[in-house]
C-alpha atoms as a PDB file:
ATOM      1  CA  ALA A   1      29.894  17.021  21.541  1.00  0.00           C
ATOM      2  CA  GLY A   2      27.986  20.277  19.791  1.00  0.00           C
ATOM      3  CA  TYR A   3      26.282  17.898  17.625  1.00  0.00           C
ATOM      4  CA  ALA A   4      25.113  16.212  20.785  1.00  0.00           C
ATOM      5  CA  TYR A   5      23.886  18.531  22.410  1.00  0.00           C
ATOM      6  CA  LEU A   6      21.945  19.860  19.458  1.00  0.00           C
ATOM      7  CA  SER A   7      20.419  16.336  19.332  1.00  0.00           C
ATOM      8  CA  TYR A   8      19.261  16.459  22.535  1.00  0.00           C
ATOM      9  CA  ALA A   9      18.073  20.047  21.846  1.00  0.00           C
ATOM     10  CA  GLU A  10      16.082  19.007  19.068  1.00  0.00           C
ATOM     11  CA  GLY A  11      15.350  15.147  20.714  1.00  0.00           C
ATOM     12  CA  LYS A  12      12.635  17.974  23.072  1.00  0.00           C
ATOM     13  CA  ILE A  13      10.627  19.013  20.427  1.00  0.00           C
ATOM     14  CA  ASP A  14       6.764  17.458  20.451  1.00  0.00           C
ATOM     15  CA  ARG A  15       5.907  16.970  17.109  1.00  0.00           C
ATOM     16  CA  ILE A  16       3.514  16.677  15.705  1.00  0.00           C
ATOM     17  CA  ALA A  17       3.014  13.506  13.195  1.00  0.00           C
ATOM     18  CA  THR A  18       2.979  14.829   9.491  1.00  0.00           C
ATOM     19  CA  SER A  19      -0.471  12.589   9.233  1.00  0.00           C
ATOM     20  CA  GLU A  20      -2.131  15.296  11.856  1.00  0.00           C
ATOM     21  CA  LEU A  21      -1.154  18.129   9.375  1.00  0.00           C
ATOM     22  CA  THR A  22      -1.533  17.379   5.625  1.00  0.00           C
ATOM     23  CA  SER A  23      -2.635  20.401   5.673  1.00  0.00           C
ATOM     24  CA  LEU A  24       0.870  22.150   5.553  1.00  0.00           C
ATOM     25  CA  VAL A  25       3.244  22.775   2.794  1.00  0.00           C
ATOM     26  CA  VAL A  26       5.819  20.058   2.203  1.00  0.00           C
ATOM     27  CA  ALA A  27       7.457  19.925  -1.550  1.00  0.00           C
ATOM     28  CA  PRO A  28      11.572  20.422  -1.085  1.00  0.00           C
ATOM     29  CA  LEU A  29      12.272  24.409  -1.076  1.00  0.00           C
ATOM     30  CA  ALA A  30      15.245  24.996  -3.101  1.00  0.00           C
ATOM     31  CA  PRO A  31      17.786  26.605  -2.165  1.00  0.00           C
ATOM     32  CA  GLY A  32      18.111  30.500  -0.933  1.00  0.00           C
ATOM     33  CA  GLU A  33      14.096  30.132  -0.793  1.00  0.00           C
ATOM     34  CA  SER A  34      11.955  31.445   2.013  1.00  0.00           C
ATOM     35  CA  ILE A  35       9.904  29.721   4.118  1.00  0.00           C
ATOM     36  CA  ASN A  36       6.792  30.157   6.218  1.00  0.00           C
ATOM     37  CA  PHE A  37       6.112  29.286  10.015  1.00  0.00           C
ATOM     38  CA  LEU A  38       2.443  29.777  11.752  1.00  0.00           C
ATOM     39  CA  ILE A  39       2.974  30.609  15.314  1.00  0.00           C
ATOM     40  CA  VAL A  40      -0.334  29.657  17.655  1.00  0.00           C
ATOM     41  CA  GLY A  41       0.007  31.066  21.013  1.00  0.00           C
ATOM     42  CA  VAL A  42      -2.118  29.358  22.659  1.00  0.00           C
ATOM     43  CA  ASP A  43      -3.865  30.668  26.483  1.00  0.00           C
ATOM     44  CA  ASP A  44      -3.743  26.676  28.396  1.00  0.00           C
ATOM     45  CA  ARG A  45      -4.299  28.433  31.807  1.00  0.00           C
ATOM     46  CA  SER A  46      -3.540  24.861  33.160  1.00  0.00           C
ATOM     47  CA  THR A  47       0.140  25.091  32.605  1.00  0.00           C
ATOM     48  CA  VAL A  48       0.515  28.815  34.252  1.00  0.00           C
ATOM     49  CA  PRO A  49       3.314  28.774  37.406  1.00  0.00           C
ATOM     50  CA  GLU A  50       1.460  29.214  40.698  1.00  0.00           C
ATOM     51  CA  ASP A  51       3.722  31.935  41.466  1.00  0.00           C
ATOM     52  CA  TRP A  52       2.335  33.679  39.005  1.00  0.00           C
ATOM     53  CA  VAL A  53       0.184  36.877  39.084  1.00  0.00           C
ATOM     54  CA  ASP A  54      -3.777  35.755  39.300  1.00  0.00           C
ATOM     55  CA  ALA A  55      -4.325  37.815  36.255  1.00  0.00           C
ATOM     56  CA  PHE A  56      -5.842  34.552  33.419  1.00  0.00           C
ATOM     57  CA  GLY A  57      -8.864  34.471  34.821  1.00  0.00           C
ATOM     58  CA  ASP A  58     -10.263  30.732  34.804  1.00  0.00           C
ATOM     59  CA  PHE A  59     -11.235  28.771  31.994  1.00  0.00           C
ATOM     60  CA  SER A  60     -10.576  24.960  30.716  1.00  0.00           C
ATOM     61  CA  GLY A  61      -9.747  23.863  27.618  1.00  0.00           C
ATOM     62  CA  ARG A  62      -6.547  25.797  24.774  1.00  0.00           C
ATOM     63  CA  ARG A  63      -7.261  28.442  22.572  1.00  0.00           C
ATOM     64  CA  THR A  64      -5.214  29.997  20.167  1.00  0.00           C
ATOM     65  CA  ASP A  65      -4.947  33.502  21.769  1.00  0.00           C
ATOM     66  CA  VAL A  66      -2.128  34.827  19.190  1.00  0.00           C
ATOM     67  CA  ILE A  67      -1.592  34.358  15.058  1.00  0.00           C
ATOM     68  CA  MET A  68       1.256  34.911  13.632  1.00  0.00           C
ATOM     69  CA  ILE A  69       3.264  34.186  10.518  1.00  0.00           C
ATOM     70  CA  ALA A  70       6.657  33.869  10.330  1.00  0.00           C
ATOM     71  CA  HIS A  71       8.112  35.016   6.719  1.00  0.00           C
ATOM     72  CA  ILE A  72      11.427  33.477   6.637  1.00  0.00           C
ATOM     73  CA  SER A  73      14.145  34.716   3.602  1.00  0.00           C
ATOM     74  CA  GLU A  74      17.698  35.871   3.145  1.00  0.00           C
ATOM     75  CA  ALA A  75      16.631  39.278   3.173  1.00  0.00           C
ATOM     76  CA  GLY A  76      15.460  38.324   6.617  1.00  0.00           C
ATOM     77  CA  ILE A  77      12.209  37.862   8.634  1.00  0.00           C
ATOM     78  CA  GLN A  78       8.528  39.798   8.091  1.00  0.00           C
ATOM     79  CA  MET A  79       5.947  39.068  10.256  1.00  0.00           C
ATOM     80  CA  LEU A  80       2.292  38.877   9.949  1.00  0.00           C
ATOM     81  CA  SER A  81      -0.015  39.048  12.469  1.00  0.00           C
ATOM     82  CA  ILE A  82      -3.932  37.805  12.391  1.00  0.00           C
ATOM     83  CA  PRO A  83      -6.194  39.420  14.524  1.00  0.00           C
ATOM     84  CA  ARG A  84      -7.852  36.206  15.913  1.00  0.00           C
ATOM     85  CA  ASP A  85     -11.565  37.399  15.605  1.00  0.00           C
ATOM     86  CA  TRP A  86     -11.264  38.139  11.973  1.00  0.00           C
ATOM     87  CA  LYS A  87     -14.123  36.616  10.448  1.00  0.00           C
ATOM     88  CA  SER A  88     -12.795  34.043   8.022  1.00  0.00           C
ATOM     89  CA  SER A  89     -14.797  30.656   5.941  1.00  0.00           C
ATOM     90  CA  ILE A  90     -14.060  27.625   7.816  1.00  0.00           C
ATOM     91  CA  PRO A  91     -13.699  24.584   5.420  1.00  0.00           C
ATOM     92  CA  GLY A  92     -16.670  22.432   7.170  1.00  0.00           C
ATOM     93  CA  HIS A  93     -18.106  24.954   9.319  1.00  0.00           C
ATOM     94  CA  GLY A  94     -19.380  27.995   7.341  1.00  0.00           C
ATOM     95  CA  THR A  95     -18.171  31.658   8.325  1.00  0.00           C
ATOM     96  CA  ASN A  96     -16.458  31.987  12.017  1.00  0.00           C
ATOM     97  CA  ARG A  97     -13.605  33.777  13.438  1.00  0.00           C
ATOM     98  CA  ILE A  98     -10.591  32.586  12.862  1.00  0.00           C
ATOM     99  CA  ASN A  99      -9.544  30.759  15.904  1.00  0.00           C
ATOM    100  CA  ALA A 100     -12.246  28.435  15.814  1.00  0.00           C
ATOM    101  CA  ALA A 101     -10.989  26.530  13.115  1.00  0.00           C
ATOM    102  CA  TYR A 102      -8.812  25.462  16.139  1.00  0.00           C
ATOM    103  CA  VAL A 103     -11.368  24.532  17.873  1.00  0.00           C
ATOM    104  CA  PHE A 104     -13.049  22.639  15.228  1.00  0.00           C
ATOM    105  CA  GLY A 105      -9.933  20.789  13.548  1.00  0.00           C
ATOM    106  CA  GLY A 106      -7.083  21.427  16.094  1.00  0.00           C
ATOM    107  CA  PRO A 107      -3.778  22.432  13.546  1.00  0.00           C
ATOM    108  CA  ASP A 108      -4.214  20.896  10.983  1.00  0.00           C
ATOM    109  CA  LEU A 109      -8.147  22.696  10.094  1.00  0.00           C
ATOM    110  CA  LEU A 110      -6.661  26.376  11.293  1.00  0.00           C
ATOM    111  CA  VAL A 111      -3.502  25.751   8.833  1.00  0.00           C
ATOM    112  CA  GLU A 112      -6.028  25.222   5.909  1.00  0.00           C
ATOM    113  CA  THR A 113      -8.116  28.160   6.711  1.00  0.00           C
ATOM    114  CA  ILE A 114      -5.162  30.670   7.204  1.00  0.00           C
ATOM    115  CA  GLN A 115      -3.778  29.146   3.787  1.00  0.00           C
ATOM    116  CA  LEU A 116      -7.310  29.638   2.369  1.00  0.00           C
ATOM    117  CA  GLU A 117      -7.645  32.849   3.223  1.00  0.00           C
ATOM    118  CA  THR A 118      -4.278  34.623   2.721  1.00  0.00           C
ATOM    119  CA  GLY A 119      -3.294  31.944   0.039  1.00  0.00           C
ATOM    120  CA  ILE A 120       0.861  32.157   1.821  1.00  0.00           C
ATOM    121  CA  PRO A 121       1.585  28.756   2.091  1.00  0.00           C
ATOM    122  CA  ILE A 122       2.612  27.454   5.505  1.00  0.00           C
ATOM    123  CA  HIS A 123       5.490  25.045   6.185  1.00  0.00           C
ATOM    124  CA  HIS A 124       6.268  24.509   9.781  1.00  0.00           C
ATOM    125  CA  TYR A 125       4.014  25.130  12.422  1.00  0.00           C
ATOM    126  CA  VAL A 126       4.682  26.315  15.804  1.00  0.00           C
ATOM    127  CA  GLU A 127       2.464  26.248  19.071  1.00  0.00           C
ATOM    128  CA  ILE A 128       3.682  27.574  22.747  1.00  0.00           C
ATOM    129  CA  ASP A 129       1.574  28.418  25.074  1.00  0.00           C
ATOM    130  CA  PHE A 130       1.437  31.323  28.232  1.00  0.00           C
ATOM    131  CA  ALA A 131       4.803  29.489  30.050  1.00  0.00           C
ATOM    132  CA  GLY A 132       6.347  28.408  27.533  1.00  0.00           C
ATOM    133  CA  VAL A 133       6.724  31.965  26.420  1.00  0.00           C
ATOM    134  CA  GLY A 134       7.397  33.212  29.805  1.00  0.00           C
ATOM    135  CA  ALA A 135      10.176  29.772  30.709  1.00  0.00           C
ATOM    136  CA  VAL A 136      11.733  31.210  26.837  1.00  0.00           C
ATOM    137  CA  VAL A 137      11.767  34.922  28.501  1.00  0.00           C
ATOM    138  CA  ASP A 138      13.045  33.519  31.667  1.00  0.00           C
ATOM    139  CA  SER A 139      15.926  31.505  29.634  1.00  0.00           C
ATOM    140  CA  LEU A 140      17.075  34.634  27.813  1.00  0.00           C
ATOM    141  CA  GLY A 141      17.963  36.470  30.921  1.00  0.00           C
ATOM    142  CA  GLY A 142      14.979  38.715  29.785  1.00  0.00           C
ATOM    143  CA  VAL A 143      13.577  40.722  27.215  1.00  0.00           C
ATOM    144  CA  ASN A 144      14.840  44.299  26.416  1.00  0.00           C
ATOM    145  CA  LEU A 145      12.019  46.889  25.646  1.00  0.00           C
ATOM    146  CA  ASP A 146      11.941  50.356  25.904  1.00  0.00           C
ATOM    147  CA  PHE A 147       9.002  52.532  27.162  1.00  0.00           C
ATOM    148  CA  THR A 148       8.187  56.140  26.074  1.00  0.00           C
ATOM    149  CA  TYR A 149       5.532  56.275  28.708  1.00  0.00           C
ATOM    150  CA  PRO A 150       4.407  54.739  31.982  1.00  0.00           C
ATOM    151  CA  GLY A 151       1.840  51.896  30.640  1.00  0.00           C
ATOM    152  CA  ARG A 152      -0.459  49.952  32.494  1.00  0.00           C
ATOM    153  CA  ASP A 153      -2.982  47.367  32.122  1.00  0.00           C
ATOM    154  CA  GLY A 154      -5.318  47.074  35.082  1.00  0.00           C
ATOM    155  CA  LYS A 155      -6.405  43.723  33.901  1.00  0.00           C
ATOM    156  CA  SER A 156      -2.906  41.504  32.809  1.00  0.00           C
ATOM    157  CA  LYS A 157      -1.319  43.395  35.976  1.00  0.00           C
ATOM    158  CA  PHE A 158       1.000  44.472  34.001  1.00  0.00           C
ATOM    159  CA  ARG A 159       2.949  48.144  35.168  1.00  0.00           C
ATOM    160  CA  ILE A 160       6.219  49.926  34.160  1.00  0.00           C
ATOM    161  CA  GLU A 161       7.816  53.019  34.072  1.00  0.00           C
ATOM    162  CA  ALA A 162       9.005  55.159  31.592  1.00  0.00           C
ATOM    163  CA  GLY A 163      13.119  54.122  30.344  1.00  0.00           C
ATOM    164  CA  ARG A 164      14.610  51.285  29.106  1.00  0.00           C
ATOM    165  CA  HIS A 165      13.778  47.937  31.083  1.00  0.00           C
ATOM    166  CA  THR A 166      13.795  43.748  30.693  1.00  0.00           C
ATOM    167  CA  LEU A 167      11.604  41.679  31.548  1.00  0.00           C
ATOM    168  CA  ASN A 168      10.788  38.821  32.846  1.00  0.00           C
ATOM    169  CA  GLY A 169       8.652  35.791  31.523  1.00  0.00           C
ATOM    170  CA  GLU A 170       5.449  36.696  33.295  1.00  0.00           C
ATOM    171  CA  GLN A 171       6.052  40.723  32.208  1.00  0.00           C
ATOM    172  CA  ALA A 172       6.620  39.644  28.680  1.00  0.00           C
ATOM    173  CA  VAL A 173       3.154  37.589  28.868  1.00  0.00           C
ATOM    174  CA  ALA A 174       1.532  40.372  30.910  1.00  0.00           C
ATOM    175  CA  TYR A 175       2.673  42.864  27.955  1.00  0.00           C
ATOM    176  CA  ALA A 176       1.407  40.301  25.420  1.00  0.00           C
ATOM    177  CA  ARG A 177      -1.666  39.814  26.384  1.00  0.00           C
ATOM    178  CA  SER A 178      -2.235  43.498  27.554  1.00  0.00           C
ATOM    179  CA  ARG A 179      -5.849  44.940  25.664  1.00  0.00           C
ATOM    180  CA  HIS A 180      -6.275  48.202  27.885  1.00  0.00           C
ATOM    181  CA  TYR A 181      -3.144  49.480  27.867  1.00  0.00           C
ATOM    182  CA  GLU A 182      -2.821  52.878  29.129  1.00  0.00           C
ATOM    183  CA  VAL A 183      -0.058  55.191  29.457  1.00  0.00           C
ATOM    184  CA  LEU A 184       1.126  58.776  31.892  1.00  0.00           C
ATOM    185  CA  ARG A 185       1.311  61.019  29.234  1.00  0.00           C
ATOM    186  CA  ASP A 186       0.798  64.971  30.231  1.00  0.00           C
ATOM    187  CA  GLY A 187      -0.023  63.986  33.852  1.00  0.00           C
ATOM    188  CA  SER A 188      -2.860  61.789  33.283  1.00  0.00           C
ATOM    189  CA  TRP A 189      -3.684  57.849  32.513  1.00  0.00           C
ATOM    190  CA  GLN A 190      -4.795  57.558  28.311  1.00  0.00           C
ATOM    191  CA  SER A 191      -5.601  54.624  26.880  1.00  0.00           C
ATOM    192  CA  MET A 192      -4.328  53.637  23.620  1.00  0.00           C
ATOM    193  CA  GLY A 193      -6.797  51.958  21.990  1.00  0.00           C
ATOM    194  CA  GLY A 194      -6.669  49.154  18.936  1.00  0.00           C
ATOM    195  CA  GLY A 195      -7.916  46.661  21.151  1.00  0.00           C
ATOM    196  CA  ASP A 196      -6.075  43.346  19.492  1.00  0.00           C
ATOM    197  CA  LEU A 197      -5.079  45.098  16.736  1.00  0.00           C
ATOM    198  CA  SER A 198      -2.661  47.065  19.662  1.00  0.00           C
ATOM    199  CA  ARG A 199      -2.508  44.208  20.975  1.00  0.00           C
ATOM    200  CA  THR A 200      -0.613  41.955  18.006  1.00  0.00           C
ATOM    201  CA  GLY A 201       1.874  45.004  17.938  1.00  0.00           C
ATOM    202  CA  ARG A 202       2.468  43.986  21.448  1.00  0.00           C
ATOM    203  CA  GLN A 203       3.132  40.585  20.654  1.00  0.00           C
ATOM    204  CA  GLN A 204       5.776  41.524  17.968  1.00  0.00           C
ATOM    205  CA  GLU A 205       7.751  43.578  19.856  1.00  0.00           C
ATOM    206  CA  ILE A 206       8.744  40.716  21.956  1.00  0.00           C
ATOM    207  CA  LEU A 207       9.203  38.102  19.335  1.00  0.00           C
ATOM    208  CA  ILE A 208      11.438  40.952  17.590  1.00  0.00           C
ATOM    209  CA  ALA A 209      13.577  41.660  20.710  1.00  0.00           C
ATOM    210  CA  LEU A 210      13.886  37.346  20.998  1.00  0.00           C
ATOM    211  CA  PHE A 211      14.821  37.309  17.499  1.00  0.00           C
ATOM    212  CA  SER A 212      17.617  40.113  18.459  1.00  0.00           C
ATOM    213  CA  GLN A 213      18.670  38.604  21.746  1.00  0.00           C
ATOM    214  CA  VAL A 214      19.020  35.485  20.024  1.00  0.00           C
ATOM    215  CA  THR A 215      20.990  36.522  17.456  1.00  0.00           C
ATOM    216  CA  SER A 216      23.553  38.167  19.528  1.00  0.00           C
ATOM    217  CA  PRO A 217      26.759  37.308  20.238  1.00  0.00           C
ATOM    218  CA  SER A 218      26.097  38.889  24.082  1.00  0.00           C
ATOM    219  CA  ASN A 219      23.688  36.588  24.862  1.00  0.00           C
ATOM    220  CA  ALA A 220      26.121  33.259  23.529  1.00  0.00           C
ATOM    221  CA  PHE A 221      26.123  32.270  27.183  1.00  0.00           C
ATOM    222  CA  ASN A 222      22.456  31.767  27.761  1.00  0.00           C
ATOM    223  CA  LEU A 223      22.228  30.364  24.274  1.00  0.00           C
ATOM    224  CA  PRO A 224      22.953  26.240  27.000  1.00  0.00           C
ATOM    225  CA  VAL A 225      20.131  27.090  28.155  1.00  0.00           C
ATOM    226  CA  PHE A 226      17.633  28.709  25.680  1.00  0.00           C
ATOM    227  CA  LEU A 227      17.395  25.906  23.469  1.00  0.00           C
ATOM    228  CA  PRO A 228      16.854  23.338  25.338  1.00  0.00           C
ATOM    229  CA  THR A 229      14.074  25.059  26.764  1.00  0.00           C
ATOM    230  CA  PHE A 230      12.721  26.376  23.556  1.00  0.00           C
ATOM    231  CA  ALA A 231      12.667  23.025  22.124  1.00  0.00           C
ATOM    232  CA  ASP A 232      10.984  21.729  25.347  1.00  0.00           C
ATOM    233  CA  GLN A 233       8.013  24.527  25.177  1.00  0.00           C
ATOM    234  CA  ILE A 234       7.514  23.907  21.719  1.00  0.00           C
END
């Protein structure tokens, strides 16, 4: 029964043919060798649920909003965030922002560009959009985060009081998208600054909390919902 369930969940993954991702490193890994995943979040507005707060703007198409490398080894998981505006040499297209590689040549050119720029081999590619992140968070019953101060972002419509909170999918996406995050400290709202660099820190907070909750025994009852939801969104 367990095997059948895992096969069912795995079957929901929308896989990209190997022929369309020729830049991936496909050499077999030795036992215990580390493995690298390129995790890409795209800002496709077309899939955003209608009941979410209208804070996404009216933009068509798909662009890379989040680019991360997850390095998995016996020692654990390490993550490297790559700013989407990082100027890079894109094969066949000169120098441009690294997220332009996705526009020019899709996932394959993005993988190739990142490998050339970082020297890090990429073994697997995972892509998810705003709605997908929200669905995954909701499938776990929310994601737990601690906030030292009240926070807000008028643009992404995120607002939170100080303390420990369980964010639902919509709140988690709004927090991860925040580029104008402010905290209420010493009686006044203060900008945290940092632009995209600070935002990548918030995105990593969400992912680390998700990894922690997925592997927690207390979330065992949520896994039957989480696994097929996660597979269906990537």
